[in-house]
């Protein structure tokens, strides 16, 4: 409801636009929401290295 269907990339477009202007490549983001009420912190931490391998082509 807060983001009204927008992604974090949409919400942070002002920041990423500045990075793009400076020539920085923007990679896909990784988010872990609601970690205090109903989150799966262990699952998020387990999946993060997989995300890095995919995004950074390691």
N, C-alpha and C. Protein backbone atom coordinates (compact mmCIF):
# COMPACT_ATOMS: atom_id res chain seq x y z
N UNK A 1 0.81 -1.19 0.00
CA UNK A 1 0.00 0.00 0.00
C UNK A 1 0.86 1.26 0.00
N UNK A 2 1.95 1.20 0.72
CA UNK A 2 2.81 2.37 0.84
C UNK A 2 3.41 2.76 -0.51
N UNK A 3 3.89 1.78 -1.26
CA UNK A 3 4.53 2.07 -2.54
C UNK A 3 3.54 2.09 -3.70
N UNK A 4 2.30 1.72 -3.45
CA UNK A 4 1.24 1.71 -4.46
C UNK A 4 1.64 0.93 -5.70
N UNK A 5 2.24 -0.25 -5.50
CA UNK A 5 2.60 -1.11 -6.62
C UNK A 5 3.94 -0.82 -7.25
N UNK A 6 4.61 0.21 -6.80
CA UNK A 6 5.92 0.55 -7.36
C UNK A 6 7.01 -0.30 -6.72
N UNK A 7 8.06 -0.55 -7.47
CA UNK A 7 9.21 -1.29 -6.95
C UNK A 7 10.15 -0.33 -6.23
N UNK A 8 11.13 -0.89 -5.56
CA UNK A 8 12.13 -0.03 -4.91
C UNK A 8 12.94 0.73 -5.95
N UNK A 9 13.13 0.14 -7.11
CA UNK A 9 13.84 0.85 -8.18
C UNK A 9 13.06 2.08 -8.63
N UNK A 10 11.73 1.97 -8.68
CA UNK A 10 10.90 3.12 -9.03
C UNK A 10 10.98 4.21 -7.97
N UNK A 11 10.96 3.81 -6.72
CA UNK A 11 10.98 4.76 -5.62
C UNK A 11 12.32 5.48 -5.53
N UNK A 12 13.41 4.79 -5.85
CA UNK A 12 14.75 5.36 -5.74
C UNK A 12 15.30 5.88 -7.07
N UNK A 13 14.41 6.18 -8.01
CA UNK A 13 14.84 6.59 -9.35
C UNK A 13 15.71 7.86 -9.32
N UNK A 14 15.49 8.75 -8.38
CA UNK A 14 16.31 9.97 -8.32
C UNK A 14 17.76 9.63 -8.00
N UNK A 15 17.97 8.68 -7.12
CA UNK A 15 19.33 8.28 -6.75
C UNK A 15 20.00 7.53 -7.89
N UNK A 16 19.29 6.53 -8.45
CA UNK A 16 19.90 5.75 -9.53
C UNK A 16 20.14 6.59 -10.78
N UNK A 17 19.32 7.60 -11.00
CA UNK A 17 19.54 8.48 -12.14
C UNK A 17 20.86 9.25 -11.99
N UNK A 18 21.16 9.67 -10.78
CA UNK A 18 22.43 10.35 -10.53
C UNK A 18 23.61 9.41 -10.78
N UNK A 19 23.47 8.16 -10.32
CA UNK A 19 24.53 7.18 -10.56
C UNK A 19 24.72 6.92 -12.05
N UNK A 20 23.61 6.77 -12.77
CA UNK A 20 23.71 6.54 -14.23
C UNK A 20 24.40 7.71 -14.92
N UNK A 21 24.07 8.92 -14.50
CA UNK A 21 24.69 10.11 -15.08
C UNK A 21 26.20 10.07 -14.91
N UNK A 22 26.66 9.52 -13.79
CA UNK A 22 28.10 9.42 -13.52
C UNK A 22 28.73 8.19 -14.15
N UNK A 23 27.93 7.37 -14.87
CA UNK A 23 28.48 6.22 -15.57
C UNK A 23 28.46 4.92 -14.79
N UNK A 24 27.78 4.88 -13.67
CA UNK A 24 27.71 3.66 -12.86
C UNK A 24 26.64 2.74 -13.43
N UNK A 25 26.95 1.45 -13.53
CA UNK A 25 25.96 0.48 -13.98
C UNK A 25 25.07 0.10 -12.80
N UNK A 26 23.78 0.17 -13.00
CA UNK A 26 22.82 -0.17 -11.95
C UNK A 26 22.45 -1.64 -12.10
N UNK A 27 22.62 -2.40 -11.04
CA UNK A 27 22.28 -3.82 -11.07
C UNK A 27 20.94 -4.04 -10.37
N UNK A 28 20.36 -5.20 -10.60
CA UNK A 28 19.07 -5.53 -9.98
C UNK A 28 19.20 -5.52 -8.46
N UNK A 29 18.18 -4.98 -7.82
CA UNK A 29 18.22 -4.88 -6.36
C UNK A 29 17.75 -6.17 -5.70
N UNK A 30 18.06 -6.29 -4.43
CA UNK A 30 17.63 -7.43 -3.62
C UNK A 30 16.99 -6.87 -2.37
N UNK A 31 15.76 -7.26 -2.12
CA UNK A 31 15.03 -6.71 -0.98
C UNK A 31 14.54 -7.82 -0.06
N UNK A 32 14.50 -7.50 1.19
CA UNK A 32 13.98 -8.41 2.22
C UNK A 32 13.05 -7.58 3.10
N UNK A 33 11.75 -7.74 2.91
CA UNK A 33 10.77 -6.91 3.61
C UNK A 33 10.14 -7.64 4.79
N UNK A 34 9.58 -6.90 5.69
CA UNK A 34 8.78 -7.39 6.81
C UNK A 34 9.54 -8.39 7.66
N UNK A 35 10.80 -8.12 7.94
CA UNK A 35 11.64 -9.08 8.67
C UNK A 35 11.27 -9.17 10.14
N UNK A 36 10.62 -8.18 10.69
CA UNK A 36 10.30 -8.20 12.12
C UNK A 36 8.98 -8.89 12.42
N UNK A 37 7.99 -8.77 11.55
CA UNK A 37 6.68 -9.34 11.83
C UNK A 37 6.51 -10.73 11.24
N UNK A 38 6.79 -10.87 9.96
CA UNK A 38 6.48 -12.14 9.30
C UNK A 38 7.58 -12.52 8.31
N UNK A 39 8.77 -12.09 8.54
CA UNK A 39 9.84 -12.29 7.58
C UNK A 39 10.59 -13.60 7.76
N UNK A 40 11.33 -13.94 6.73
CA UNK A 40 12.16 -15.13 6.73
C UNK A 40 13.61 -14.67 6.57
N UNK A 41 14.20 -14.20 7.66
CA UNK A 41 15.55 -13.64 7.60
C UNK A 41 16.55 -14.69 7.13
N UNK A 42 16.44 -15.90 7.66
CA UNK A 42 17.37 -16.97 7.25
C UNK A 42 17.26 -17.25 5.76
N UNK A 43 16.04 -17.27 5.24
CA UNK A 43 15.85 -17.49 3.81
C UNK A 43 16.41 -16.36 2.97
N UNK A 44 16.21 -15.13 3.44
CA UNK A 44 16.75 -13.97 2.71
C UNK A 44 18.28 -14.01 2.68
N UNK A 45 18.87 -14.33 3.81
CA UNK A 45 20.33 -14.42 3.87
C UNK A 45 20.86 -15.58 3.03
N UNK A 46 20.12 -16.64 2.97
CA UNK A 46 20.54 -17.80 2.17
C UNK A 46 20.45 -17.50 0.67
N UNK A 47 19.45 -16.73 0.26
CA UNK A 47 19.27 -16.43 -1.16
C UNK A 47 20.14 -15.29 -1.67
N UNK A 48 20.67 -14.48 -0.77
CA UNK A 48 21.46 -13.31 -1.19
C UNK A 48 22.71 -13.69 -1.99
N UNK A 49 23.51 -14.69 -1.57
CA UNK A 49 24.67 -15.08 -2.40
C UNK A 49 24.26 -15.54 -3.80
N UNK A 50 23.12 -16.19 -3.92
CA UNK A 50 22.63 -16.62 -5.25
C UNK A 50 22.32 -15.40 -6.10
N UNK A 51 21.74 -14.39 -5.48
CA UNK A 51 21.44 -13.15 -6.19
C UNK A 51 22.73 -12.48 -6.68
N UNK A 52 23.75 -12.45 -5.82
CA UNK A 52 25.02 -11.83 -6.20
C UNK A 52 25.67 -12.58 -7.35
N UNK A 53 25.61 -13.89 -7.33
CA UNK A 53 26.19 -14.70 -8.42
C UNK A 53 25.48 -14.36 -9.73
N UNK A 54 24.17 -14.27 -9.67
CA UNK A 54 23.38 -13.97 -10.88
C UNK A 54 23.65 -12.56 -11.40
N UNK A 55 23.62 -11.60 -10.51
CA UNK A 55 23.75 -10.19 -10.91
C UNK A 55 25.18 -9.85 -11.34
N UNK A 56 26.16 -10.37 -10.62
CA UNK A 56 27.55 -10.01 -10.88
C UNK A 56 28.27 -11.01 -11.78
N UNK A 57 27.55 -12.02 -12.23
CA UNK A 57 28.11 -13.06 -13.12
C UNK A 57 29.37 -13.67 -12.52
N UNK A 58 29.29 -14.07 -11.27
CA UNK A 58 30.45 -14.67 -10.59
C UNK A 58 30.59 -16.13 -10.92
